[in-house]
Amino acid sequence: MKRELGIARCGLACCLCSENCSGCNSGECPDKEWCENRKCSLSKSIEHCYECEEECRKGLLAKIKPYGFTAFVKKYGEKELLDCLERNEANGIVYHRNGITGDYDDFDDVETLIDFIKTGKK
């Protein structure tokens, strides 16, 4: 885990990503031109979607993993998310298994995903 990369604006875990970039806040993200969440957060002068008061599912927040990670941070904080992701990775939970899909993508319910992040158990 590259903890220093932290969490992306949309909630994805740059710290666990297998893409070869320096994270979305570095300005080097290959998706920066089309990323709706980046554009929106920049327009609101905030660093992350979890800082926004709106309940939003646009852009990557339409997917369970970034939405769930964002909801987790709103509830418990970014440090707690990073701690849980680091522990889960050490226990064999995979962020990217097939392409960009991994163990955190296997959910339909946000609260169940949040519980999985906290406990590492399905």
Foldseek 3Di string as FASTA:
>chain_A
DQCVLFAAQLQHGPSQDPDPDSGPVVVTDPCVVPQPSNVVCVVVVHGHPLVDPDDDCPGVSVAQRSVLSSVLCNVPNRVLLSVLVVVLVVVPFHCDDDHRDGDLRPDDDSVVSSVCSNPVDD
